[in-house]
Structures are given as structure tokens and as C-alpha cells.
Amino acid sequence: MDTPKKLFKVVTHNTMIETFEVEASTMAEAKSACFECWTAEDNYPSNVERIEQYFDDKSIHKCKLFGIECSPLHIGHECIETVSAGLWREPTIQELDSEEIS
């Protein structure tokens, strides 16, 4: 029998490093301008240009077994909704315990 695929939910923590070029009258104004939007939006003020972005110190914050692949026969019974493609069911206590040991 084939071993079913497993779905894990992994949360990472990292530090994002950004470098900006800012046109401003004072250092305080330059520092303040870098916080006027969120990086995900990428819509900085016209006097701010992000010239570099990278991540550093990536680590695992937490990880847990989230789902076990299941067959189409389980649709509507045991399957859970996930963002991931495929059909998944909740892991049993035994499956959770065996994953914690490994």
C-alpha cells in the first residue's frame, strides 16, 4: 500500500531588509517617509524609492500535520477544505502522534 501524501501547515518567521533612497528636508522626515505604506502594497510616496529588498534569518515558527490525502470516496464525509489542491482529511490522533515522534 502506498503511503498517503501529508499536508503540513508551516509558519515561518523572517526579517525583511529594505533599503530606500528618500528625498527629504531632514533625517526625521526621511525616516518617517519609509513608514507611510506597507511593503505588500508597494506604493511608496513619490519621494521614496525602494532600491533593495531581501529576507534574512528565516526560521520555522511552528509546523503541524494538517491533512492526510484521501480518496474521492470520502467527499462530503471526512474531507476538509484547504487552499491546497487535492482532497484532504484531518489526521487521526495516531497519525499526529507518529509525526511528532519523527
N, C-alpha and C. Protein backbone atom coordinates (compact mmCIF):
# COMPACT_ATOMS: atom_id res chain seq x y z
N MET A 1 0.84 -1.19 0.00
CA MET A 1 0.00 0.00 0.00
C MET A 1 0.88 1.25 0.00
N ASP A 2 0.55 2.22 -0.84
CA ASP A 2 1.31 3.46 -0.92
C ASP A 2 1.06 4.32 0.33
N THR A 3 2.09 5.00 0.76
CA THR A 3 1.95 5.94 1.87
C THR A 3 1.25 7.19 1.36
N PRO A 4 0.17 7.62 2.03
CA PRO A 4 -0.54 8.81 1.54
C PRO A 4 0.29 10.08 1.71
N LYS A 5 0.04 11.05 0.85
CA LYS A 5 0.71 12.34 0.98
C LYS A 5 0.21 13.03 2.24
N LYS A 6 1.06 13.85 2.81
CA LYS A 6 0.69 14.59 4.02
C LYS A 6 0.74 16.08 3.73
N LEU A 7 -0.15 16.82 4.36
CA LEU A 7 -0.20 18.27 4.20
C LEU A 7 0.18 18.90 5.53
N PHE A 8 1.21 19.73 5.53
CA PHE A 8 1.68 20.39 6.74
C PHE A 8 1.42 21.89 6.64
N LYS A 9 1.08 22.49 7.76
CA LYS A 9 0.96 23.94 7.82
C LYS A 9 2.22 24.44 8.51
N VAL A 10 3.04 25.20 7.78
CA VAL A 10 4.32 25.69 8.29
C VAL A 10 4.27 27.21 8.34
N VAL A 11 4.55 27.75 9.50
CA VAL A 11 4.60 29.20 9.68
C VAL A 11 6.06 29.58 9.90
N THR A 12 6.55 30.48 9.06
CA THR A 12 7.94 30.91 9.19
C THR A 12 8.00 32.31 9.77
N HIS A 13 9.14 32.63 10.29
CA HIS A 13 9.41 33.97 10.79
C HIS A 13 10.71 34.42 10.13
N ASN A 14 10.72 35.62 9.59
CA ASN A 14 11.95 36.12 8.99
C ASN A 14 11.99 37.63 9.13
N THR A 15 13.15 38.14 8.89
CA THR A 15 13.37 39.57 8.93
C THR A 15 13.52 40.06 7.50
N MET A 16 12.71 41.03 7.12
CA MET A 16 12.83 41.59 5.78
C MET A 16 13.69 42.85 5.86
N ILE A 17 14.68 42.90 5.01
CA ILE A 17 15.59 44.04 4.95
C ILE A 17 15.24 44.85 3.71
N GLU A 18 15.03 46.15 3.89
CA GLU A 18 14.74 47.04 2.76
C GLU A 18 15.71 48.21 2.80
N THR A 19 16.11 48.66 1.64
CA THR A 19 16.95 49.85 1.52
C THR A 19 16.20 50.85 0.65
N PHE A 20 16.15 52.09 1.10
CA PHE A 20 15.41 53.14 0.40
C PHE A 20 16.33 54.31 0.05
N GLU A 21 15.98 55.00 -1.00
CA GLU A 21 16.53 56.31 -1.28
C GLU A 21 15.37 57.27 -1.09
N VAL A 22 15.57 58.27 -0.20
CA VAL A 22 14.48 59.17 0.16
C VAL A 22 14.91 60.61 -0.01
N GLU A 23 14.13 61.39 -0.75
CA GLU A 23 14.36 62.82 -0.89
C GLU A 23 13.57 63.51 0.22
N ALA A 24 14.29 64.21 1.12
CA ALA A 24 13.63 64.85 2.27
C ALA A 24 14.47 66.02 2.76
N SER A 25 13.82 66.90 3.52
CA SER A 25 14.50 68.07 4.08
C SER A 25 15.31 67.74 5.32
N THR A 26 14.84 66.74 6.08
CA THR A 26 15.54 66.38 7.32
C THR A 26 15.63 64.86 7.42
N MET A 27 16.51 64.39 8.29
CA MET A 27 16.64 62.96 8.51
C MET A 27 15.36 62.39 9.11
N ALA A 28 14.74 63.13 10.03
CA ALA A 28 13.49 62.68 10.65
C ALA A 28 12.40 62.51 9.59
N GLU A 29 12.32 63.45 8.65
CA GLU A 29 11.34 63.36 7.57
C GLU A 29 11.63 62.15 6.67
N ALA A 30 12.90 61.90 6.41
CA ALA A 30 13.29 60.75 5.58
C ALA A 30 12.90 59.44 6.26
N LYS A 31 13.18 59.33 7.55
CA LYS A 31 12.82 58.12 8.30
C LYS A 31 11.31 57.92 8.31
N SER A 32 10.58 58.97 8.56
CA SER A 32 9.12 58.90 8.62
C SER A 32 8.51 58.47 7.29
N ALA A 33 9.08 58.95 6.19
CA ALA A 33 8.53 58.65 4.86
C ALA A 33 8.58 57.16 4.54
N CYS A 34 9.52 56.44 5.12
CA CYS A 34 9.64 55.00 4.86
C CYS A 34 8.53 54.18 5.50
N PHE A 35 7.79 54.78 6.43
CA PHE A 35 6.73 54.06 7.13
C PHE A 35 5.34 54.46 6.69
N GLU A 36 5.23 55.20 5.61
CA GLU A 36 3.93 55.70 5.17
C GLU A 36 3.14 54.71 4.33
N CYS A 37 3.66 53.53 4.10
CA CYS A 37 2.89 52.48 3.45
C CYS A 37 3.47 51.14 3.84
N TRP A 38 2.71 50.09 3.55
CA TRP A 38 3.17 48.73 3.84
C TRP A 38 3.83 48.16 2.61
N THR A 39 4.86 47.38 2.81
CA THR A 39 5.64 46.81 1.71
C THR A 39 4.76 46.02 0.75
N ALA A 40 3.79 45.28 1.27
CA ALA A 40 2.94 44.46 0.41
C ALA A 40 2.19 45.31 -0.61
N GLU A 41 1.91 46.55 -0.27
CA GLU A 41 1.20 47.44 -1.18
C GLU A 41 2.13 48.03 -2.23
N ASP A 42 3.40 48.20 -1.88
CA ASP A 42 4.42 48.71 -2.79
C ASP A 42 4.02 50.02 -3.45
N ASN A 43 3.40 50.91 -2.69
CA ASN A 43 3.01 52.21 -3.23
C ASN A 43 3.56 53.33 -2.33
N TYR A 44 4.87 53.45 -2.34
CA TYR A 44 5.54 54.43 -1.50
C TYR A 44 5.27 55.85 -2.02
N PRO A 45 5.44 56.85 -1.13
CA PRO A 45 5.31 58.24 -1.58
C PRO A 45 6.30 58.54 -2.71
N SER A 46 6.03 59.57 -3.47
CA SER A 46 6.86 59.88 -4.65
C SER A 46 8.31 60.21 -4.28
N ASN A 47 8.57 60.61 -3.04
CA ASN A 47 9.93 60.93 -2.64
C ASN A 47 10.69 59.72 -2.10
N VAL A 48 10.06 58.54 -2.14
CA VAL A 48 10.67 57.32 -1.60
C VAL A 48 10.79 56.28 -2.71
N GLU A 49 11.99 55.72 -2.84
CA GLU A 49 12.18 54.64 -3.79
C GLU A 49 12.88 53.49 -3.09
N ARG A 50 12.23 52.32 -3.09
CA ARG A 50 12.87 51.14 -2.52
C ARG A 50 13.85 50.61 -3.55
N ILE A 51 15.12 50.51 -3.17
CA ILE A 51 16.14 50.07 -4.13
C ILE A 51 16.63 48.65 -3.86
N GLU A 52 16.25 48.10 -2.70
CA GLU A 52 16.68 46.74 -2.38
C GLU A 52 15.72 46.13 -1.37
N GLN A 53 15.47 44.83 -1.51
CA GLN A 53 14.63 44.10 -0.57
C GLN A 53 15.09 42.65 -0.54
N TYR A 54 15.29 42.11 0.66
CA TYR A 54 15.62 40.70 0.80
C TYR A 54 15.25 40.24 2.21
N PHE A 55 15.24 38.93 2.38
CA PHE A 55 14.88 38.36 3.67
C PHE A 55 16.12 37.76 4.33
N ASP A 56 16.13 37.81 5.65
CA ASP A 56 17.27 37.32 6.42
C ASP A 56 16.74 36.58 7.64
N ASP A 57 17.52 35.69 8.19
CA ASP A 57 17.20 34.98 9.43
C ASP A 57 15.87 34.24 9.38
N LYS A 58 15.61 33.50 8.30
CA LYS A 58 14.37 32.75 8.18
C LYS A 58 14.42 31.54 9.10
N SER A 59 13.36 31.32 9.85
CA SER A 59 13.29 30.17 10.75
C SER A 59 11.85 29.67 10.80
N ILE A 60 11.68 28.45 11.26
CA ILE A 60 10.35 27.87 11.41
C ILE A 60 9.78 28.34 12.74
N HIS A 61 8.63 28.96 12.70
CA HIS A 61 7.95 29.42 13.90
C HIS A 61 7.13 28.28 14.49
N LYS A 62 6.37 27.58 13.64
CA LYS A 62 5.66 26.38 14.06
C LYS A 62 5.31 25.55 12.83
N CYS A 63 5.10 24.28 13.06
CA CYS A 63 4.78 23.35 11.97
C CYS A 63 3.90 22.25 12.55
N LYS A 64 2.82 21.93 11.83
CA LYS A 64 1.96 20.85 12.31
C LYS A 64 1.38 20.09 11.13
N LEU A 65 1.11 18.82 11.37
CA LEU A 65 0.44 18.00 10.38
C LEU A 65 -1.00 18.49 10.29
N PHE A 66 -1.43 18.80 9.08
CA PHE A 66 -2.71 19.47 8.87
C PHE A 66 -3.71 18.57 8.15
N GLY A 67 -3.23 17.71 7.26
CA GLY A 67 -4.14 16.87 6.49
C GLY A 67 -3.44 15.66 5.92
N ILE A 68 -4.23 14.63 5.64
CA ILE A 68 -3.77 13.40 5.02
C ILE A 68 -4.57 13.25 3.73
N GLU A 69 -3.88 12.91 2.65
CA GLU A 69 -4.56 12.73 1.37
C GLU A 69 -5.66 11.67 1.53
N CYS A 70 -6.82 11.94 0.92
CA CYS A 70 -7.90 10.96 0.95
C CYS A 70 -8.47 10.77 -0.45
N SER A 71 -9.26 9.75 -0.60
CA SER A 71 -9.79 9.41 -1.92
C SER A 71 -11.09 10.16 -2.19
N PRO A 72 -11.50 10.23 -3.46
CA PRO A 72 -12.77 10.89 -3.80
C PRO A 72 -13.97 10.23 -3.13
N LEU A 73 -13.82 9.01 -2.66
CA LEU A 73 -14.92 8.32 -1.98
C LEU A 73 -15.30 9.00 -0.66
N HIS A 74 -14.38 9.80 -0.13
CA HIS A 74 -14.62 10.47 1.15
C HIS A 74 -15.27 11.84 1.01
N ILE A 75 -15.49 12.29 -0.23
CA ILE A 75 -16.06 13.63 -0.43
C ILE A 75 -17.38 13.76 0.32
N GLY A 76 -17.49 14.84 1.07
CA GLY A 76 -18.70 15.10 1.82
C GLY A 76 -18.72 14.44 3.19
N HIS A 77 -17.77 13.56 3.47
CA HIS A 77 -17.75 12.88 4.76
C HIS A 77 -16.61 13.38 5.63
N GLU A 78 -15.40 13.01 5.26
CA GLU A 78 -14.24 13.33 6.09
C GLU A 78 -13.39 14.47 5.53
N CYS A 79 -13.59 14.86 4.28
CA CYS A 79 -12.70 15.82 3.65
C CYS A 79 -12.80 17.20 4.30
N ILE A 80 -11.66 17.87 4.37
CA ILE A 80 -11.61 19.22 4.91
C ILE A 80 -11.31 20.19 3.78
N GLU A 81 -11.71 21.42 3.94
CA GLU A 81 -11.42 22.44 2.93
C GLU A 81 -10.04 23.01 3.19
N THR A 82 -9.25 23.09 2.13
CA THR A 82 -7.92 23.69 2.23
C THR A 82 -7.70 24.56 1.00
N VAL A 83 -6.69 25.39 1.07
CA VAL A 83 -6.29 26.20 -0.07
C VAL A 83 -5.51 25.33 -1.06
N SER A 84 -4.91 24.27 -0.55
CA SER A 84 -4.09 23.37 -1.37
C SER A 84 -4.96 22.52 -2.28
N ALA A 85 -4.42 22.22 -3.46
CA ALA A 85 -5.12 21.33 -4.40
C ALA A 85 -5.12 19.92 -3.84
N GLY A 86 -6.15 19.20 -4.14
CA GLY A 86 -6.23 17.81 -3.69
C GLY A 86 -7.33 17.63 -2.67
N LEU A 87 -7.53 16.38 -2.29
CA LEU A 87 -8.52 16.04 -1.27
C LEU A 87 -7.78 15.65 0.00
N TRP A 88 -8.20 16.22 1.11
CA TRP A 88 -7.50 16.02 2.37
C TRP A 88 -8.51 15.73 3.47
N ARG A 89 -8.10 14.92 4.43
CA ARG A 89 -8.89 14.66 5.63
C ARG A 89 -8.06 15.03 6.84
N GLU A 90 -8.72 15.21 7.97
CA GLU A 90 -7.99 15.51 9.20
C GLU A 90 -7.19 14.28 9.61
N PRO A 91 -5.99 14.49 10.13
CA PRO A 91 -5.20 13.34 10.59
C PRO A 91 -5.80 12.74 11.86
N THR A 92 -5.60 11.45 12.03
CA THR A 92 -6.04 10.78 13.25
C THR A 92 -5.08 11.12 14.39
N ILE A 93 -5.47 10.81 15.60
CA ILE A 93 -4.59 11.01 16.76
C ILE A 93 -3.30 10.22 16.57
N GLN A 94 -3.41 8.99 16.07
CA GLN A 94 -2.23 8.15 15.86
C GLN A 94 -1.30 8.78 14.82
N GLU A 95 -1.85 9.33 13.75
CA GLU A 95 -1.02 9.96 12.71
C GLU A 95 -0.34 11.21 13.26
N LEU A 96 -1.05 11.97 14.06
CA LEU A 96 -0.45 13.15 14.69
C LEU A 96 0.67 12.74 15.63
N ASP A 97 0.41 11.73 16.46
CA ASP A 97 1.43 11.26 17.41
C ASP A 97 2.67 10.73 16.69
N SER A 98 2.49 9.96 15.62
CA SER A 98 3.65 9.40 14.92
C SER A 98 4.46 10.50 14.24
N GLU A 99 3.81 11.57 13.81
CA GLU A 99 4.54 12.67 13.19
C GLU A 99 5.32 13.47 14.20
N GLU A 100 4.80 13.59 15.42
CA GLU A 100 5.50 14.31 16.49
C GLU A 100 6.77 13.56 16.91
N ILE A 101 6.72 12.24 16.83
CA ILE A 101 7.87 11.42 17.23
C ILE A 101 8.98 11.48 16.20
N SER A 102 8.61 11.56 14.90
CA SER A 102 9.63 11.51 13.85
C SER A 102 10.43 12.78 13.73
